[in-house]
Structure formats: C-alpha cells, structure tokens
C-alpha cells in the first residue's frame, strides 16, 4: 500500500472516530440515567452547556459536584437544582425485576385521574419475566445471540432505524410519550413495581417507534431514574415527556447506524417478555430488544 493510500486510510479512520464521538455527545439524552444527567443534556440541547465539562467527564463526578456545576446555567433556564444533602436516604422502593403477569394483574392500580394513560391501542398482555419461576408464557426457549427461539416463534435482535424507515409522523411534535403520572405510594414496592411495569413497556414501544430500539434503557436503569427523579421531587412522567421531545429533535437531525451486535454474556435469565412479540434482555450496560414478526 502506498504512503498516500495509508495516509488517506488513517485520515478516514480518524474522521470516523471524531464523527462517532460527536454523535455520542449529540445523543446525550439517550445516555442520561439520572436527573442531573438529564439536565446536563437539556442544557446542551438549548446551547447552555458551554461552561460544563464533556458528558462522560461530568458523569464521573459525584452528585454534589454535578449539582454545583449545573446550578448557574440551569437557573438561567428556570430549571431547579437542589444540592444533595449528605445525610439523605432513599425513600422510593424500586424493584430490580419486571413484575410477572400474575403480580402485575394483582397489583395494578387504577388509572390516575386526569392522566389519560396510554391509548387503548397500547393495551395488551401484562409484563412477565423470562427465567422467573412464576412465568410460564415462554417455555422451551433458547438463546442464540441474535435470535431467541421459542417453539414456533423466532425473536430477532433489532437495533436503531434511520428516519426514512420510520412511520410518517413518528418524529413529529404530536407523537408523545404520554406516560401516566405515578399516583401511588412511593414506599410501596407493589405499587411502584406495577407502575414501572406499565410505563416501561410504553417507553420501549415509543423508542422503537422513533427508530431508537438499539438505544433503550434496561429496566434496572429505568427504575433507578424513576427513583432519582421522584426523590428529587420531579414528576417522572412530565420529565420523561420533555426528554422524549428533545430525543425526537436529535433523531430528526442525526443519522444512526442500523448495525446490531449480538450480546455474548447474557442468557434467558437476563430477559423479560414485554408483550407477545417483544423481549428485552438486560446486558448490563446495554439493553437488547428482540422482536418477532
């Protein structure tokens, strides 16, 4: 290979690395796992993050330092930031697994007044857990990397989709997340579990709808975000709607890779069935979605 070709190859590799790093920052909102990280991403989206460190540097700070960094630029936009108290203790019960179908039906609360809730078209089978002794809706399944085979049904790993492959209006302002607000007791594990089972399924459906099936939160991260926002006095449903609106704007202007890489270190004990044609597998740092036709 000639020197000129080598230099051209090195240049293209560097350009790709720079582009991927920029896109990671641009899709900051999809990476945010706490309230302070969400506020950071909102400040970035609104052009107010010039005084802040890069996202991953910000993430490496403790909560008090993050709050101090955010307080001044956030106040300019009317976003409330409270410095965490060192002696604060968790007050919100958070499950580490999705509820089984039987638990979901027993513990499901009445729809909150005035919330509207998800549209009727989104109702369906309750969330259940693969690998849990109480769940028997997916017998004889086997995990094979990019597919999960269950008797006569094959679930295939899905990822992100470019905008030309989305349904018309998927990224429009009219396409809302519309999560119901939590109206139960934050100290009741049963009520929190039931609520999170309902809204997590809705969240996953909407992320698939806007072409970000490869950029979703695991249930554990989703539950932790609910805990973090609730303990800071922030309405989870309202905040999620704000973030979804920014996410659609980012998706409208930034290209995504449709390539998918199958997980290697998980099995069915890490997987949850969300509905009859959708399975989510927790890979720790990444969530994997499997869809059947």
Protein backbone atom coordinates (compact mmCIF):
# COMPACT_ATOMS: atom_id res chain seq x y z
CA UNK A 1 0.00 0.00 0.00
CA UNK A 2 1.40 3.40 -0.99
CA UNK A 3 2.15 6.10 1.58
CA UNK A 4 -0.62 8.25 0.10
CA UNK A 5 -3.14 5.43 0.50
CA UNK A 6 -2.02 4.78 4.07
CA UNK A 7 -2.42 8.45 4.97
CA UNK A 8 -5.87 8.51 3.35
CA UNK A 9 -6.89 5.39 5.32
CA UNK A 10 -5.63 6.85 8.62
CA UNK A 11 -7.45 10.09 7.86
CA UNK A 12 -10.74 8.28 7.19
CA UNK A 13 -10.40 6.26 10.42
CA UNK A 14 -9.76 9.43 12.46
CA UNK A 15 -12.72 11.14 10.81
CA UNK A 16 -14.96 8.21 11.68
CA UNK A 17 -13.78 8.26 15.30
CA UNK A 18 -14.39 12.01 15.57
CA UNK A 19 -17.83 11.65 13.99
CA UNK A 20 -18.82 8.81 16.32
CA UNK A 21 -17.66 10.78 19.36
CA UNK A 22 -19.67 13.81 18.23
CA UNK A 23 -22.75 11.69 17.72
CA UNK A 24 -22.36 10.19 21.19
CA UNK A 25 -22.47 13.69 22.64
CA UNK A 26 -25.32 14.76 20.35
CA UNK A 27 -27.37 11.77 21.54
CA UNK A 28 -26.61 12.71 25.12
CA UNK A 29 -30.30 12.46 26.09
CA UNK A 30 -30.41 8.77 25.22
CA UNK A 31 -27.44 8.22 27.56
CA UNK A 32 -28.79 10.15 30.58
CA UNK A 33 -29.51 7.85 33.54
CA UNK A 34 -30.11 10.41 36.34
CA UNK A 35 -31.90 13.71 36.78
CA UNK A 36 -28.65 15.69 36.79
CA UNK A 37 -27.50 13.94 33.61
CA UNK A 38 -30.85 14.78 32.01
CA UNK A 39 -30.47 18.44 32.98
CA UNK A 40 -26.94 18.43 31.54
CA UNK A 41 -28.32 17.11 28.24
CA UNK A 42 -31.15 19.66 28.22
CA UNK A 43 -28.64 22.46 28.75
CA UNK A 44 -26.60 21.10 25.86
CA UNK A 45 -29.67 20.92 23.63
CA UNK A 46 -30.54 24.53 24.47
CA UNK A 47 -27.00 25.82 23.91
CA UNK A 48 -26.24 26.50 27.58
CA UNK A 49 -23.57 23.88 28.27
CA UNK A 50 -20.51 25.87 27.21
CA UNK A 51 -19.15 26.12 30.76
CA UNK A 52 -19.65 22.41 31.50
CA UNK A 53 -17.21 19.53 31.01
CA UNK A 54 -17.89 16.86 28.41
CA UNK A 55 -20.70 14.43 29.25
CA UNK A 56 -18.57 11.49 30.37
CA UNK A 57 -16.36 13.78 32.46
CA UNK A 58 -19.48 15.25 34.06
CA UNK A 59 -20.84 11.76 34.77
CA UNK A 60 -17.69 10.83 36.69
CA UNK A 61 -18.38 13.50 39.36
CA UNK A 62 -20.46 12.84 42.47
CA UNK A 63 -23.96 14.24 42.83
CA UNK A 64 -22.92 17.29 44.84
CA UNK A 65 -20.30 18.33 42.29
CA UNK A 66 -22.74 17.75 39.42
CA UNK A 67 -25.33 19.94 41.13
CA UNK A 68 -22.82 22.73 41.68
CA UNK A 69 -21.74 22.58 38.03
CA UNK A 70 -25.34 22.71 36.81
CA UNK A 71 -26.81 25.24 39.22
CA UNK A 72 -25.88 28.50 37.48
CA UNK A 73 -26.60 27.57 33.82
CA UNK A 74 -29.76 25.71 34.86
CA UNK A 75 -31.07 28.72 36.79
CA UNK A 76 -30.88 30.80 33.62
CA UNK A 77 -33.44 28.44 32.07
CA UNK A 78 -35.62 28.19 35.17
CA UNK A 79 -34.58 24.59 35.92
CA UNK A 80 -34.43 23.83 39.63
CA UNK A 81 -31.25 22.25 41.01
CA UNK A 82 -31.01 21.37 44.70
CA UNK A 83 -27.63 20.47 46.19
CA UNK A 84 -27.96 16.90 47.56
CA UNK A 85 -27.80 16.54 51.34
CA UNK A 86 -25.01 14.30 52.53
CA UNK A 87 -27.32 12.57 55.02
CA UNK A 88 -30.17 11.97 52.57
CA UNK A 89 -31.55 8.43 52.42
CA UNK A 90 -33.52 6.68 49.63
CA UNK A 91 -37.27 6.90 50.17
CA UNK A 92 -38.54 5.25 47.00
CA UNK A 93 -38.96 1.49 46.70
CA UNK A 94 -37.50 0.23 43.43
CA UNK A 95 -37.83 -3.32 42.05
CA UNK A 96 -34.90 -4.93 40.26
CA UNK A 97 -37.11 -7.08 38.01
CA UNK A 98 -40.23 -6.51 35.96
CA UNK A 99 -43.40 -7.94 37.54
CA UNK A 100 -44.70 -11.31 36.44
CA UNK A 101 -48.08 -11.46 34.76
CA UNK A 102 -49.81 -12.64 37.96
CA UNK A 103 -48.21 -9.91 40.10
CA UNK A 104 -48.99 -7.25 37.51
CA UNK A 105 -52.68 -8.10 37.43
CA UNK A 106 -52.98 -8.27 41.23
CA UNK A 107 -51.12 -5.04 41.95
CA UNK A 108 -52.23 -2.88 39.03
CA UNK A 109 -53.51 0.47 40.39
CA UNK A 110 -56.46 2.34 38.97
CA UNK A 111 -55.51 4.80 36.20
CA UNK A 112 -54.52 8.17 37.75
CA UNK A 113 -57.17 10.83 37.42
CA UNK A 114 -56.57 13.29 34.64
CA UNK A 115 -53.55 11.44 33.27
CA UNK A 116 -55.35 9.89 30.34
CA UNK A 117 -52.94 6.97 30.34
CA UNK A 118 -51.70 5.14 27.27
CA UNK A 119 -54.09 4.91 24.31
CA UNK A 120 -56.32 1.86 24.08
CA UNK A 121 -54.23 0.56 21.17
CA UNK A 122 -51.31 0.09 23.54
CA UNK A 123 -53.14 -2.16 25.97
CA UNK A 124 -52.12 -5.80 25.82
CA UNK A 125 -50.73 -8.68 27.80
CA UNK A 126 -49.21 -7.78 31.13
CA UNK A 127 -45.45 -7.75 31.52
CA UNK A 128 -43.94 -11.07 32.52
CA UNK A 129 -40.44 -12.33 33.25
CA UNK A 130 -38.49 -14.94 31.34
CA UNK A 131 -36.43 -17.11 33.65
CA UNK A 132 -38.63 -16.35 36.68
CA UNK A 133 -40.28 -19.42 38.25
CA UNK A 134 -43.66 -17.65 38.22
CA UNK A 135 -43.56 -17.03 34.45
CA UNK A 136 -44.54 -19.87 32.10
CA UNK A 137 -45.54 -17.93 28.98
CA UNK A 138 -42.25 -18.72 27.14
CA UNK A 139 -41.49 -22.40 27.66
CA UNK A 140 -38.76 -24.19 25.72
CA UNK A 141 -36.98 -21.02 24.61
CA UNK A 142 -33.31 -20.94 23.74
CA UNK A 143 -30.96 -18.01 23.40
CA UNK A 144 -28.73 -17.93 20.31
CA UNK A 145 -27.09 -14.49 20.19
CA UNK A 146 -29.01 -12.58 17.54
CA UNK A 147 -32.16 -14.72 17.90
CA UNK A 148 -34.30 -16.19 20.66
CA UNK A 149 -36.22 -19.28 19.53
CA UNK A 150 -39.39 -20.24 21.40
CA UNK A 151 -41.18 -23.26 19.90
CA UNK A 152 -42.68 -21.94 16.65
CA UNK A 153 -41.70 -18.28 17.20
CA UNK A 154 -38.34 -16.69 16.46
CA UNK A 155 -37.46 -13.34 18.01
CA UNK A 156 -34.75 -11.41 16.16
CA UNK A 157 -32.41 -8.79 17.61
CA UNK A 158 -33.38 -5.28 16.49
CA UNK A 159 -31.44 -2.03 16.64
CA UNK A 160 -31.76 1.59 15.53
CA UNK A 161 -33.50 2.59 12.31
CA UNK A 162 -32.81 5.53 10.03
CA UNK A 163 -35.54 8.11 9.61
CA UNK A 164 -36.56 7.04 6.10
CA UNK A 165 -37.64 3.71 7.57
CA UNK A 166 -39.95 5.23 10.20
CA UNK A 167 -43.71 5.62 10.00
CA UNK A 168 -44.94 9.02 8.87
CA UNK A 169 -45.15 11.47 11.78
CA UNK A 170 -43.00 9.35 14.12
CA UNK A 171 -40.76 12.34 14.89
CA UNK A 172 -43.48 15.00 14.87
CA UNK A 173 -44.40 17.02 17.99
CA UNK A 174 -47.77 15.23 18.00
CA UNK A 175 -46.12 11.89 18.73
CA UNK A 176 -45.97 11.96 22.52
CA UNK A 177 -44.67 9.55 25.10
CA UNK A 178 -47.78 10.15 27.24
CA UNK A 179 -46.77 8.26 30.37
CA UNK A 180 -49.36 8.41 33.16
CA UNK A 181 -48.17 10.13 36.32
CA UNK A 182 -47.48 7.92 39.33
CA UNK A 183 -50.30 8.30 41.86
CA UNK A 184 -49.43 5.55 44.34
CA UNK A 185 -47.26 5.41 47.42
CA UNK A 186 -43.55 5.73 46.66
CA UNK A 187 -42.78 3.47 49.63
CA UNK A 188 -44.99 0.64 48.32
CA UNK A 189 -42.93 -1.84 46.32
CA UNK A 190 -46.09 -3.39 44.84
CA UNK A 191 -47.44 -0.06 43.57
CA UNK A 192 -44.08 1.11 42.21
CA UNK A 193 -43.46 -2.24 40.53
CA UNK A 194 -46.88 -2.23 38.88
CA UNK A 195 -46.48 1.34 37.65
CA UNK A 196 -42.97 0.78 36.29
CA UNK A 197 -44.07 -2.39 34.52
CA UNK A 198 -46.76 -0.40 32.73
CA UNK A 199 -44.71 2.65 31.76
CA UNK A 200 -41.54 0.75 30.86
CA UNK A 201 -43.44 -1.19 28.21
CA UNK A 202 -44.83 2.08 26.84
CA UNK A 203 -41.33 3.63 26.81
CA UNK A 204 -39.87 0.69 24.86
CA UNK A 205 -42.70 0.80 22.30
CA UNK A 206 -42.16 4.52 21.70
CA UNK A 207 -38.39 4.18 21.38
CA UNK A 208 -38.92 1.52 18.71
CA UNK A 209 -41.40 3.86 17.02
CA UNK A 210 -38.81 6.65 16.64
CA UNK A 211 -36.10 4.24 15.49
CA UNK A 212 -34.03 4.01 18.67
CA UNK A 213 -34.58 0.38 19.61
CA UNK A 214 -30.82 -0.01 19.98
CA UNK A 215 -30.55 2.88 22.45
CA UNK A 216 -33.04 1.97 25.20
CA UNK A 217 -32.53 1.76 28.95
CA UNK A 218 -32.59 -1.54 30.76
CA UNK A 219 -35.45 -1.92 33.22
CA UNK A 220 -32.99 -1.52 36.10
CA UNK A 221 -31.75 1.84 34.78
CA UNK A 222 -35.31 2.94 34.04
CA UNK A 223 -36.35 2.09 37.61
CA UNK A 224 -33.32 3.90 39.06
CA UNK A 225 -34.18 7.01 37.01
CA UNK A 226 -37.74 6.90 38.42
CA UNK A 227 -36.27 6.66 41.92
CA UNK A 228 -33.82 9.52 41.35
CA UNK A 229 -36.42 11.89 39.90
CA UNK A 230 -39.07 11.04 42.50
CA UNK A 231 -36.68 11.59 45.42
CA UNK A 232 -35.74 14.97 43.96
CA UNK A 233 -39.41 15.98 43.76
CA UNK A 234 -39.51 15.86 39.94
CA UNK A 235 -42.54 14.35 38.21
CA UNK A 236 -41.28 11.30 36.30
CA UNK A 237 -43.95 11.43 33.57
CA UNK A 238 -43.52 15.16 32.87
CA UNK A 239 -39.74 14.90 32.81
CA UNK A 240 -39.85 11.87 30.52
CA UNK A 241 -42.06 13.79 28.09
CA UNK A 242 -39.58 16.66 27.98
CA UNK A 243 -36.69 14.29 27.30
CA UNK A 244 -38.68 12.45 24.61
CA UNK A 245 -39.30 15.73 22.79
CA UNK A 246 -35.57 16.51 22.72
CA UNK A 247 -34.79 12.96 21.67
CA UNK A 248 -37.10 13.25 18.64
CA UNK A 249 -35.42 16.51 17.62
CA UNK A 250 -31.97 14.91 17.85
CA UNK A 251 -33.16 11.86 15.92
CA UNK A 252 -34.50 14.13 13.18
CA UNK A 253 -31.09 15.66 12.50
CA UNK A 254 -28.59 12.90 13.35
CA UNK A 255 -28.03 9.70 11.41
CA UNK A 256 -27.80 6.36 13.22
CA UNK A 257 -26.17 3.06 12.40
CA UNK A 258 -28.61 0.21 11.80
CA UNK A 259 -25.96 -2.43 12.50
CA UNK A 260 -26.61 -4.68 15.51
CA UNK A 261 -24.10 -6.66 17.57
CA UNK A 262 -25.43 -9.69 19.40
CA UNK A 263 -24.71 -9.97 23.13
CA UNK A 264 -22.41 -12.74 24.30
CA UNK A 265 -22.55 -12.67 28.10
CA UNK A 266 -26.29 -12.97 28.85
CA UNK A 267 -28.89 -15.75 28.85
CA UNK A 268 -32.65 -16.00 29.27
CA UNK A 269 -32.37 -15.21 32.97
CA UNK A 270 -31.45 -11.68 31.86
CA UNK A 271 -34.51 -11.39 29.60
CA UNK A 272 -38.05 -10.07 30.14
CA UNK A 273 -41.06 -10.58 27.89
CA UNK A 274 -42.81 -7.23 27.40
CA UNK A 275 -45.57 -8.46 25.10
CA UNK A 276 -46.24 -11.39 22.78
CA UNK A 277 -43.82 -10.23 20.08
CA UNK A 278 -41.21 -8.35 22.11
CA UNK A 279 -38.46 -9.47 24.51
CA UNK A 280 -35.93 -7.22 26.29
CA UNK A 281 -32.61 -8.60 27.53
CA UNK A 282 -30.50 -6.78 30.11
CA UNK A 283 -26.86 -6.78 29.07
CA UNK A 284 -25.76 -4.59 31.98
CA UNK A 285 -24.54 -1.52 30.13
CA UNK A 286 -26.80 -2.14 27.13
CA UNK A 287 -30.40 -3.22 26.55
CA UNK A 288 -31.15 -5.69 23.74
CA UNK A 289 -34.58 -5.92 22.10
CA UNK A 290 -35.81 -9.00 20.23
CA UNK A 291 -38.90 -8.76 18.01
CA UNK A 292 -40.92 -11.42 16.23
CA UNK A 293 -42.88 -10.79 13.03
